[in-house]
Amino acid sequence: HLINGFHIQKKKPVLDELRTLEAFKEVIEIRKRELSEASSTRDKSHSKQFFEYLEKNNLEDLLLKNLTKLHIIKFLDARKADGVGNRTRNNALNWVRSILSVLVDRGYIENNVAKGISNLKEIEALSIAFTKEDSNRLKEILKKENYVVYQFCMIMYLCFIRPKELRSLKVEHIKLEEKQTKIFIPSTISKSKKNRYVVVPTKLKPILEELVKDKKPQDLLFKRYGKMYPKNYFNQEFKKVVKKYEFNQQYYLYCWKHTGVTEAMNNGAKLTFIQMQCGHSSIEDTALYVK
């Protein structure tokens, strides 16, 4: 029997020949039906990097049963060599862990080889605000070079709306006709998972009017080719401007929100107003934020 290939084991013989590449693709297809659109997008991004690593290192035929901790570590080393930060590297590790966990649950493998790998220490991004001079200069540059990014940044700057929330806003969420212009942030896109309204300063109203013009209520406020802008589009475009015009390299897209909050506080805005605009669950969170 053994000479003829008989296997005395619980697992089906077919699993012995299952490639890592095929196993990961199978789990991703399963998760696609279960996860949110955002999580599925992350799966797609991480899998692209992982599959490219396998291909580059001639590991496309690596059997799942032969996948080791060292393979995962070398993949993470390759991500770091590409120039990503510790947080991105850790996200890749967590993704591999979650995929392997599903394979363990399904009986494809016995152990999750990624569980013993440690996360690297993450350095919190500096919450800095632009100087007044840089803020004014950035506005003028963006207005001329990329008007859509300028519009996006101005809403962040004046209303303290997060980039993820802003990308998901629809025309129907803009309340222009009311006595006081407001933006409705529904719980489905809000970080706090709660509905909230954001007060719109008068000087921002013309920009909103431009954005909603000739669009239907269900249309996205910011759309390209009829679809939502890619997740990192606005951040990447802003980085290009920072680099091209030699601004402080610590400036990044989210600094528009920090700048807006800082200026509002300096101009006498109450902490409770900042809390409402930011959508913080407690005043303590706001106090830490505006430190």
C-alpha atoms as a PDB file:
ATOM      1  CA  HIS A   1       0.000   0.000   0.000  1.00  0.00           C
ATOM      2  CA  LEU A   2       2.756   2.495   0.913  1.00  0.00           C
ATOM      3  CA  ILE A   3       4.663   1.740  -2.286  1.00  0.00           C
ATOM      4  CA  ASN A   4       1.480   2.478  -4.226  1.00  0.00           C
ATOM      5  CA  GLY A   5       1.110   5.908  -2.532  1.00  0.00           C
ATOM      6  CA  PHE A   6      -1.381   5.092   0.244  1.00  0.00           C
ATOM      7  CA  HIS A   7      -1.513   7.810   2.948  1.00  0.00           C
ATOM      8  CA  ILE A   8      -2.204   6.967   6.587  1.00  0.00           C
ATOM      9  CA  GLN A   9      -3.310  10.391   7.800  1.00  0.00           C
ATOM     10  CA  LYS A  10      -6.401  12.473   8.517  1.00  0.00           C
ATOM     11  CA  LYS A  11      -5.816  15.082   5.822  1.00  0.00           C
ATOM     12  CA  LYS A  12      -6.827  14.426   2.259  1.00  0.00           C
ATOM     13  CA  PRO A  13      -3.885  13.645  -0.021  1.00  0.00           C
ATOM     14  CA  VAL A  14      -4.755  16.629  -2.233  1.00  0.00           C
ATOM     15  CA  LEU A  15      -3.721  19.010   0.573  1.00  0.00           C
ATOM     16  CA  ASP A  16      -0.174  17.704   0.380  1.00  0.00           C
ATOM     17  CA  GLU A  17       0.073  19.194  -3.099  1.00  0.00           C
ATOM     18  CA  LEU A  18      -1.698  22.482  -2.361  1.00  0.00           C
ATOM     19  CA  ARG A  19       0.457  25.464  -3.239  1.00  0.00           C
ATOM     20  CA  THR A  20       0.701  28.461  -0.896  1.00  0.00           C
ATOM     21  CA  LEU A  21      -0.373  30.742  -3.748  1.00  0.00           C
ATOM     22  CA  GLU A  22      -3.543  28.737  -4.407  1.00  0.00           C
ATOM     23  CA  ALA A  23      -4.397  28.461  -0.700  1.00  0.00           C
ATOM     24  CA  PHE A  24      -4.123  32.217  -0.150  1.00  0.00           C
ATOM     25  CA  LYS A  25      -6.221  32.954  -3.246  1.00  0.00           C
ATOM     26  CA  GLU A  26      -8.901  30.562  -2.003  1.00  0.00           C
ATOM     27  CA  VAL A  27      -9.126  32.308   1.387  1.00  0.00           C
ATOM     28  CA  ILE A  28      -9.235  35.743  -0.247  1.00  0.00           C
ATOM     29  CA  GLU A  29     -12.194  34.642  -2.404  1.00  0.00           C
ATOM     30  CA  ILE A  30     -13.989  33.367   0.694  1.00  0.00           C
ATOM     31  CA  ARG A  31     -13.315  36.582   2.602  1.00  0.00           C
ATOM     32  CA  LYS A  32     -14.500  38.687  -0.346  1.00  0.00           C
ATOM     33  CA  ARG A  33     -18.045  37.461   0.353  1.00  0.00           C
ATOM     34  CA  GLU A  34     -17.789  38.110   4.084  1.00  0.00           C
ATOM     35  CA  LEU A  35     -15.771  41.301   4.539  1.00  0.00           C
ATOM     36  CA  SER A  36     -16.590  44.936   3.905  1.00  0.00           C
ATOM     37  CA  GLU A  37     -15.491  46.631   0.696  1.00  0.00           C
ATOM     38  CA  ALA A  38     -12.656  48.399   2.553  1.00  0.00           C
ATOM     39  CA  SER A  39     -11.361  45.115   4.046  1.00  0.00           C
ATOM     40  CA  SER A  40     -11.563  43.399   0.660  1.00  0.00           C
ATOM     41  CA  THR A  41      -9.534  46.251  -0.823  1.00  0.00           C
ATOM     42  CA  ARG A  42      -6.879  45.719   1.861  1.00  0.00           C
ATOM     43  CA  ASP A  43      -6.854  41.995   1.045  1.00  0.00           C
ATOM     44  CA  LYS A  44      -6.258  42.848  -2.597  1.00  0.00           C
ATOM     45  CA  SER A  45      -3.415  45.228  -1.780  1.00  0.00           C
ATOM     46  CA  HIS A  46      -1.620  42.877   0.639  1.00  0.00           C
ATOM     47  CA  SER A  47      -2.069  39.840  -1.622  1.00  0.00           C
ATOM     48  CA  LYS A  48      -0.562  41.737  -4.546  1.00  0.00           C
ATOM     49  CA  GLN A  49       2.584  42.436  -2.513  1.00  0.00           C
ATOM     50  CA  PHE A  50       2.771  38.864  -1.198  1.00  0.00           C
ATOM     51  CA  PHE A  51       2.253  37.225  -4.582  1.00  0.00           C
ATOM     52  CA  GLU A  52       4.857  39.509  -6.169  1.00  0.00           C
ATOM     53  CA  TYR A  53       7.294  38.457  -3.434  1.00  0.00           C
ATOM     54  CA  LEU A  54       6.639  34.766  -4.148  1.00  0.00           C
ATOM     55  CA  GLU A  55       7.124  35.301  -7.876  1.00  0.00           C
ATOM     56  CA  LYS A  56      10.291  37.356  -7.468  1.00  0.00           C
ATOM     57  CA  ASN A  57      11.848  34.658  -5.284  1.00  0.00           C
ATOM     58  CA  ASN A  58      10.697  31.696  -7.424  1.00  0.00           C
ATOM     59  CA  LEU A  59       8.290  30.512  -4.722  1.00  0.00           C
ATOM     60  CA  GLU A  60       5.121  30.267  -6.819  1.00  0.00           C
ATOM     61  CA  ASP A  61       5.204  26.475  -6.420  1.00  0.00           C
ATOM     62  CA  LEU A  62       5.953  26.542  -2.682  1.00  0.00           C
ATOM     63  CA  LEU A  63       3.652  23.973  -1.083  1.00  0.00           C
ATOM     64  CA  LEU A  64       1.509  25.260   1.763  1.00  0.00           C
ATOM     65  CA  LYS A  65       2.776  22.490   4.051  1.00  0.00           C
ATOM     66  CA  ASN A  66       6.342  23.758   3.452  1.00  0.00           C
ATOM     67  CA  LEU A  67       5.591  27.404   4.257  1.00  0.00           C
ATOM     68  CA  THR A  68       7.717  28.432   7.248  1.00  0.00           C
ATOM     69  CA  LYS A  69       8.139  31.298   9.645  1.00  0.00           C
ATOM     70  CA  LEU A  70      11.308  32.273   7.776  1.00  0.00           C
ATOM     71  CA  HIS A  71       9.370  32.715   4.516  1.00  0.00           C
ATOM     72  CA  ILE A  72       7.042  35.202   6.250  1.00  0.00           C
ATOM     73  CA  ILE A  73       9.938  37.070   7.894  1.00  0.00           C
ATOM     74  CA  LYS A  74      11.727  37.412   4.547  1.00  0.00           C
ATOM     75  CA  PHE A  75       8.510  38.733   2.973  1.00  0.00           C
ATOM     76  CA  LEU A  76       8.272  41.361   5.730  1.00  0.00           C
ATOM     77  CA  ASP A  77      11.957  42.210   5.275  1.00  0.00           C
ATOM     78  CA  ALA A  78      11.257  42.763   1.583  1.00  0.00           C
ATOM     79  CA  ARG A  79       8.442  45.183   2.429  1.00  0.00           C
ATOM     80  CA  LYS A  80      10.812  47.140   4.678  1.00  0.00           C
ATOM     81  CA  ALA A  81      13.420  47.143   1.904  1.00  0.00           C
ATOM     82  CA  ASP A  82      10.782  48.742  -0.334  1.00  0.00           C
ATOM     83  CA  GLY A  83      10.787  51.695   2.061  1.00  0.00           C
ATOM     84  CA  VAL A  84       7.536  51.150   3.967  1.00  0.00           C
ATOM     85  CA  GLY A  85       7.217  52.183   7.612  1.00  0.00           C
ATOM     86  CA  ASN A  86       6.829  49.890  10.607  1.00  0.00           C
ATOM     87  CA  ARG A  87       3.058  50.330  10.655  1.00  0.00           C
ATOM     88  CA  THR A  88       2.692  49.195   7.033  1.00  0.00           C
ATOM     89  CA  ARG A  89       5.014  46.261   7.710  1.00  0.00           C
ATOM     90  CA  ASN A  90       2.971  45.312  10.787  1.00  0.00           C
ATOM     91  CA  ASN A  91      -0.252  45.552   8.785  1.00  0.00           C
ATOM     92  CA  ALA A  92       1.231  43.086   6.280  1.00  0.00           C
ATOM     93  CA  LEU A  93       2.127  40.716   9.132  1.00  0.00           C
ATOM     94  CA  ASN A  94      -1.364  40.934  10.615  1.00  0.00           C
ATOM     95  CA  TRP A  95      -2.814  40.196   7.191  1.00  0.00           C
ATOM     96  CA  VAL A  96      -0.685  37.051   6.762  1.00  0.00           C
ATOM     97  CA  ARG A  97      -1.656  35.937  10.283  1.00  0.00           C
ATOM     98  CA  SER A  98      -5.362  36.309   9.497  1.00  0.00           C
ATOM     99  CA  ILE A  99      -5.093  34.352   6.217  1.00  0.00           C
ATOM    100  CA  LEU A 100      -3.167  31.529   7.869  1.00  0.00           C
ATOM    101  CA  SER A 101      -5.669  31.490  10.743  1.00  0.00           C
ATOM    102  CA  VAL A 102      -8.454  30.715   8.270  1.00  0.00           C
ATOM    103  CA  LEU A 103      -6.350  27.938   6.733  1.00  0.00           C
ATOM    104  CA  VAL A 104      -5.807  26.451  10.216  1.00  0.00           C
ATOM    105  CA  ASP A 105      -9.553  26.602  10.941  1.00  0.00           C
ATOM    106  CA  ARG A 106     -10.245  24.770   7.673  1.00  0.00           C
ATOM    107  CA  GLY A 107      -7.741  22.045   8.459  1.00  0.00           C
ATOM    108  CA  TYR A 108      -5.375  22.898   5.630  1.00  0.00           C
ATOM    109  CA  ILE A 109      -2.468  23.352   8.045  1.00  0.00           C
ATOM    110  CA  GLU A 110      -1.944  22.569  11.717  1.00  0.00           C
ATOM    111  CA  ASN A 111      -0.091  25.673  12.892  1.00  0.00           C
ATOM    112  CA  ASN A 112      -0.077  29.375  12.074  1.00  0.00           C
ATOM    113  CA  VAL A 113       3.629  29.990  11.425  1.00  0.00           C
ATOM    114  CA  ALA A 114       3.145  33.779  11.527  1.00  0.00           C
ATOM    115  CA  LYS A 115       1.970  33.821  15.156  1.00  0.00           C
ATOM    116  CA  GLY A 116       5.459  33.853  16.636  1.00  0.00           C
ATOM    117  CA  ILE A 117       6.607  36.884  14.641  1.00  0.00           C
ATOM    118  CA  SER A 118       6.727  40.145  16.606  1.00  0.00           C
ATOM    119  CA  ASN A 119       5.395  43.508  15.461  1.00  0.00           C
ATOM    120  CA  LEU A 120       7.892  46.324  15.122  1.00  0.00           C
ATOM    121  CA  LYS A 121       7.521  49.421  17.269  1.00  0.00           C
ATOM    122  CA  GLU A 122       5.416  52.032  15.507  1.00  0.00           C
ATOM    123  CA  ILE A 123       6.315  55.702  15.716  1.00  0.00           C
ATOM    124  CA  GLU A 124       3.271  57.924  15.935  1.00  0.00           C
ATOM    125  CA  ALA A 125       3.092  60.498  13.154  1.00  0.00           C
ATOM    126  CA  LEU A 126       3.671  64.023  14.384  1.00  0.00           C
ATOM    127  CA  SER A 127       0.446  65.974  14.767  1.00  0.00           C
ATOM    128  CA  ILE A 128       1.818  69.218  13.421  1.00  0.00           C
ATOM    129  CA  ALA A 129       0.068  72.236  11.999  1.00  0.00           C
ATOM    130  CA  PHE A 130       1.323  74.291   9.067  1.00  0.00           C
ATOM    131  CA  THR A 131       2.834  77.682   9.761  1.00  0.00           C
ATOM    132  CA  LYS A 132       0.621  80.557   8.648  1.00  0.00           C
ATOM    133  CA  GLU A 133       2.999  81.356   5.805  1.00  0.00           C
ATOM    134  CA  ASP A 134       3.135  77.728   4.588  1.00  0.00           C
ATOM    135  CA  SER A 135      -0.620  77.347   4.889  1.00  0.00           C
ATOM    136  CA  ASN A 136      -1.281  80.348   2.640  1.00  0.00           C
ATOM    137  CA  ARG A 137       1.390  79.294   0.155  1.00  0.00           C
ATOM    138  CA  LEU A 138       0.063  75.722  -0.026  1.00  0.00           C
ATOM    139  CA  LYS A 139      -3.446  76.992  -0.711  1.00  0.00           C
ATOM    140  CA  GLU A 140      -2.266  79.076  -3.649  1.00  0.00           C
ATOM    141  CA  ILE A 141      -0.162  76.270  -5.123  1.00  0.00           C
ATOM    142  CA  LEU A 142      -2.909  73.643  -4.822  1.00  0.00           C
ATOM    143  CA  LYS A 143      -5.477  76.038  -6.251  1.00  0.00           C
ATOM    144  CA  LYS A 144      -3.376  76.407  -9.402  1.00  0.00           C
ATOM    145  CA  GLU A 145      -1.920  72.917  -9.789  1.00  0.00           C
ATOM    146  CA  ASN A 146      -4.656  70.532  -8.594  1.00  0.00           C
ATOM    147  CA  TYR A 147      -7.974  72.216  -7.886  1.00  0.00           C
ATOM    148  CA  VAL A 148      -9.754  69.029  -6.798  1.00  0.00           C
ATOM    149  CA  VAL A 149      -7.097  68.383  -4.137  1.00  0.00           C
ATOM    150  CA  TYR A 150      -7.428  72.045  -3.124  1.00  0.00           C
ATOM    151  CA  GLN A 151     -11.194  71.617  -2.631  1.00  0.00           C
ATOM    152  CA  PHE A 152     -10.636  68.410  -0.644  1.00  0.00           C
ATOM    153  CA  CYS A 153      -8.037  70.043   1.604  1.00  0.00           C
ATOM    154  CA  MET A 154     -10.171  73.120   2.244  1.00  0.00           C
ATOM    155  CA  ILE A 155     -13.057  71.012   3.558  1.00  0.00           C
ATOM    156  CA  MET A 156     -10.665  69.144   5.863  1.00  0.00           C
ATOM    157  CA  TYR A 157      -9.097  72.414   6.952  1.00  0.00           C
ATOM    158  CA  LEU A 158     -12.348  74.290   7.692  1.00  0.00           C
ATOM    159  CA  CYS A 159     -14.663  71.475   8.839  1.00  0.00           C
ATOM    160  CA  PHE A 160     -12.198  68.969  10.423  1.00  0.00           C
ATOM    161  CA  ILE A 161     -13.628  66.058   8.395  1.00  0.00           C
ATOM    162  CA  ARG A 162     -11.406  62.987   8.079  1.00  0.00           C
ATOM    163  CA  PRO A 163     -10.157  62.023   4.588  1.00  0.00           C
ATOM    164  CA  LYS A 164     -11.940  58.650   4.681  1.00  0.00           C
ATOM    165  CA  GLU A 165     -15.230  60.309   5.640  1.00  0.00           C
ATOM    166  CA  LEU A 166     -14.781  63.006   3.009  1.00  0.00           C
ATOM    167  CA  ARG A 167     -14.122  60.537   0.181  1.00  0.00           C
ATOM    168  CA  SER A 168     -17.419  58.790   0.991  1.00  0.00           C
ATOM    169  CA  LEU A 169     -19.619  61.899   1.203  1.00  0.00           C
ATOM    170  CA  LYS A 170     -22.499  62.226  -1.261  1.00  0.00           C
ATOM    171  CA  VAL A 171     -24.225  65.326  -2.622  1.00  0.00           C
ATOM    172  CA  GLU A 172     -27.300  64.588  -0.483  1.00  0.00           C
ATOM    173  CA  HIS A 173     -25.153  65.007   2.642  1.00  0.00           C
ATOM    174  CA  ILE A 174     -24.511  68.679   1.855  1.00  0.00           C
ATOM    175  CA  LYS A 175     -27.233  70.870   3.364  1.00  0.00           C
ATOM    176  CA  LEU A 176     -26.822  74.134   1.446  1.00  0.00           C
ATOM    177  CA  GLU A 177     -30.404  75.337   1.559  1.00  0.00           C
ATOM    178  CA  GLU A 178     -30.733  75.408   5.335  1.00  0.00           C
ATOM    179  CA  LYS A 179     -30.370  78.590   7.393  1.00  0.00           C
ATOM    180  CA  GLN A 180     -26.867  77.502   8.331  1.00  0.00           C
ATOM    181  CA  THR A 181     -24.928  75.370   5.834  1.00  0.00           C
ATOM    182  CA  LYS A 182     -24.067  71.973   7.289  1.00  0.00           C
ATOM    183  CA  ILE A 183     -22.587  68.662   6.219  1.00  0.00           C
ATOM    184  CA  PHE A 184     -24.189  65.442   7.435  1.00  0.00           C
ATOM    185  CA  ILE A 185     -21.740  62.646   8.288  1.00  0.00           C
ATOM    186  CA  PRO A 186     -23.787  59.390   8.422  1.00  0.00           C
ATOM    187  CA  SER A 187     -22.824  56.612  10.829  1.00  0.00           C
ATOM    188  CA  THR A 188     -21.995  54.323   7.889  1.00  0.00           C
ATOM    189  CA  ILE A 189     -18.911  56.384   7.030  1.00  0.00           C
ATOM    190  CA  SER A 190     -18.173  58.071  10.363  1.00  0.00           C
ATOM    191  CA  LYS A 191     -15.162  56.838  12.350  1.00  0.00           C
ATOM    192  CA  SER A 192     -17.229  56.976  15.559  1.00  0.00           C
ATOM    193  CA  LYS A 193     -20.056  54.996  13.864  1.00  0.00           C
ATOM    194  CA  LYS A 194     -22.471  57.759  14.894  1.00  0.00           C
ATOM    195  CA  ASN A 195     -24.389  60.317  12.850  1.00  0.00           C
ATOM    196  CA  ARG A 196     -23.206  63.877  13.193  1.00  0.00           C
ATOM    197  CA  TYR A 197     -23.564  67.298  11.577  1.00  0.00           C
ATOM    198  CA  VAL A 198     -20.615  69.563  10.815  1.00  0.00           C
ATOM    199  CA  VAL A 199     -21.002  73.329  10.663  1.00  0.00           C
ATOM    200  CA  VAL A 200     -19.718  74.890   7.422  1.00  0.00           C
ATOM    201  CA  PRO A 201     -18.002  78.316   7.550  1.00  0.00           C
ATOM    202  CA  THR A 202     -19.409  80.896   5.120  1.00  0.00           C
ATOM    203  CA  LYS A 203     -16.162  81.110   3.122  1.00  0.00           C
ATOM    204  CA  LEU A 204     -16.367  77.394   2.307  1.00  0.00           C
ATOM    205  CA  LYS A 205     -19.876  77.568   0.843  1.00  0.00           C
ATOM    206  CA  PRO A 206     -18.743  78.573  -2.713  1.00  0.00           C
ATOM    207  CA  ILE A 207     -16.507  75.494  -2.908  1.00  0.00           C
ATOM    208  CA  LEU A 208     -19.382  73.225  -1.882  1.00  0.00           C
ATOM    209  CA  GLU A 209     -21.643  74.857  -4.427  1.00  0.00           C
ATOM    210  CA  GLU A 210     -19.059  74.080  -7.120  1.00  0.00           C
ATOM    211  CA  LEU A 211     -18.832  70.480  -6.021  1.00  0.00           C
ATOM    212  CA  VAL A 212     -22.588  69.762  -6.008  1.00  0.00           C
ATOM    213  CA  LYS A 213     -23.322  71.585  -9.277  1.00  0.00           C
ATOM    214  CA  ASP A 214     -24.898  69.352 -11.960  1.00  0.00           C
ATOM    215  CA  LYS A 215     -24.693  66.274  -9.728  1.00  0.00           C
ATOM    216  CA  LYS A 216     -27.467  64.004  -8.500  1.00  0.00           C
ATOM    217  CA  PRO A 217     -28.167  63.568  -4.751  1.00  0.00           C
ATOM    218  CA  GLN A 218     -26.727  60.027  -4.798  1.00  0.00           C
ATOM    219  CA  ASP A 219     -23.526  61.106  -6.541  1.00  0.00           C
ATOM    220  CA  LEU A 220     -20.273  61.174  -4.600  1.00  0.00           C
ATOM    221  CA  LEU A 221     -19.102  64.666  -3.722  1.00  0.00           C
ATOM    222  CA  PHE A 222     -15.649  63.699  -5.012  1.00  0.00           C
ATOM    223  CA  LYS A 223     -15.703  61.240  -7.884  1.00  0.00           C
ATOM    224  CA  ARG A 224     -13.490  60.296 -10.802  1.00  0.00           C
ATOM    225  CA  TYR A 225     -14.818  58.352 -13.777  1.00  0.00           C
ATOM    226  CA  GLY A 226     -18.033  57.926 -11.795  1.00  0.00           C
ATOM    227  CA  LYS A 227     -16.283  56.169  -8.907  1.00  0.00           C
ATOM    228  CA  MET A 228     -14.725  57.052  -5.563  1.00  0.00           C
ATOM    229  CA  TYR A 229     -11.168  58.359  -5.700  1.00  0.00           C
ATOM    230  CA  PRO A 230      -8.515  55.747  -4.753  1.00  0.00           C
ATOM    231  CA  LYS A 231      -7.751  55.615  -1.038  1.00  0.00           C
ATOM    232  CA  ASN A 232      -4.317  57.246  -1.247  1.00  0.00           C
ATOM    233  CA  TYR A 233      -4.910  59.605  -4.161  1.00  0.00           C
ATOM    234  CA  PHE A 234      -5.241  62.863  -2.210  1.00  0.00           C
ATOM    235  CA  ASN A 235      -2.410  62.007   0.168  1.00  0.00           C
ATOM    236  CA  GLN A 236      -0.056  61.127  -2.687  1.00  0.00           C
ATOM    237  CA  GLU A 237      -0.937  64.228  -4.701  1.00  0.00           C
ATOM    238  CA  PHE A 238      -0.370  66.430  -1.661  1.00  0.00           C
ATOM    239  CA  LYS A 239       3.005  64.762  -1.005  1.00  0.00           C
ATOM    240  CA  LYS A 240       4.057  65.602  -4.556  1.00  0.00           C
ATOM    241  CA  VAL A 241       3.447  69.293  -3.874  1.00  0.00           C
ATOM    242  CA  VAL A 242       5.308  69.151  -0.545  1.00  0.00           C
ATOM    243  CA  LYS A 243       8.302  67.553  -2.228  1.00  0.00           C
ATOM    244  CA  LYS A 244       8.251  69.684  -5.390  1.00  0.00           C
ATOM    245  CA  TYR A 245       8.138  73.013  -3.528  1.00  0.00           C
ATOM    246  CA  GLU A 246      10.440  71.856  -0.704  1.00  0.00           C
ATOM    247  CA  PHE A 247       8.073  72.259   2.230  1.00  0.00           C
ATOM    248  CA  ASN A 248       8.702  70.619   5.603  1.00  0.00           C
ATOM    249  CA  GLN A 249       8.877  66.878   4.815  1.00  0.00           C
ATOM    250  CA  GLN A 250       6.817  66.171   7.933  1.00  0.00           C
ATOM    251  CA  TYR A 251       3.807  67.797   6.289  1.00  0.00           C
ATOM    252  CA  TYR A 252       1.173  65.324   5.159  1.00  0.00           C
ATOM    253  CA  LEU A 253      -2.507  65.488   4.145  1.00  0.00           C
ATOM    254  CA  TYR A 254      -3.937  65.067   7.649  1.00  0.00           C
ATOM    255  CA  CYS A 255      -2.040  68.169   8.770  1.00  0.00           C
ATOM    256  CA  TRP A 256      -4.826  70.232   7.166  1.00  0.00           C
ATOM    257  CA  LYS A 257      -7.138  69.032   9.903  1.00  0.00           C
ATOM    258  CA  HIS A 258      -4.569  69.751  12.623  1.00  0.00           C
ATOM    259  CA  THR A 259      -4.006  73.195  11.152  1.00  0.00           C
ATOM    260  CA  GLY A 260      -7.720  73.965  11.092  1.00  0.00           C
ATOM    261  CA  VAL A 261      -8.196  72.855  14.685  1.00  0.00           C
ATOM    262  CA  THR A 262      -5.154  74.835  15.853  1.00  0.00           C
ATOM    263  CA  GLU A 263      -6.318  78.023  14.135  1.00  0.00           C
ATOM    264  CA  ALA A 264      -9.856  77.598  15.474  1.00  0.00           C
ATOM    265  CA  MET A 265      -8.530  77.263  19.035  1.00  0.00           C
ATOM    266  CA  ASN A 266      -6.265  80.288  18.594  1.00  0.00           C
ATOM    267  CA  ASN A 267      -9.259  82.276  17.349  1.00  0.00           C
ATOM    268  CA  GLY A 268     -11.274  81.497  20.455  1.00  0.00           C
ATOM    269  CA  ALA A 269     -13.331  78.438  19.451  1.00  0.00           C
ATOM    270  CA  LYS A 270     -14.655  76.426  22.399  1.00  0.00           C
ATOM    271  CA  LEU A 271     -13.397  72.908  23.072  1.00  0.00           C
ATOM    272  CA  THR A 272     -16.968  71.580  22.849  1.00  0.00           C
ATOM    273  CA  PHE A 273     -17.288  73.023  19.319  1.00  0.00           C
ATOM    274  CA  ILE A 274     -14.033  71.326  18.256  1.00  0.00           C
ATOM    275  CA  GLN A 275     -15.342  68.076  19.781  1.00  0.00           C
ATOM    276  CA  MET A 276     -18.586  68.333  17.791  1.00  0.00           C
ATOM    277  CA  GLN A 277     -16.821  69.112  14.509  1.00  0.00           C
ATOM    278  CA  CYS A 278     -14.265  66.309  14.936  1.00  0.00           C
ATOM    279  CA  GLY A 279     -16.836  63.784  16.093  1.00  0.00           C
ATOM    280  CA  HIS A 280     -14.943  62.847  19.237  1.00  0.00           C
ATOM    281  CA  SER A 281     -16.835  60.679  21.724  1.00  0.00           C
ATOM    282  CA  SER A 282     -15.463  62.547  24.744  1.00  0.00           C
ATOM    283  CA  ILE A 283     -14.063  65.954  25.599  1.00  0.00           C
ATOM    284  CA  GLU A 284     -10.966  64.161  26.919  1.00  0.00           C
ATOM    285  CA  ASP A 285     -10.207  62.899  23.393  1.00  0.00           C
ATOM    286  CA  THR A 286     -10.476  66.444  22.088  1.00  0.00           C
ATOM    287  CA  ALA A 287      -8.226  67.784  24.831  1.00  0.00           C
ATOM    288  CA  LEU A 288      -5.529  65.271  23.863  1.00  0.00           C
ATOM    289  CA  TYR A 289      -6.007  66.012  20.186  1.00  0.00           C
ATOM    290  CA  VAL A 290      -5.481  69.779  20.517  1.00  0.00           C
ATOM    291  CA  LYS A 291      -2.574  69.350  22.957  1.00  0.00           C
END
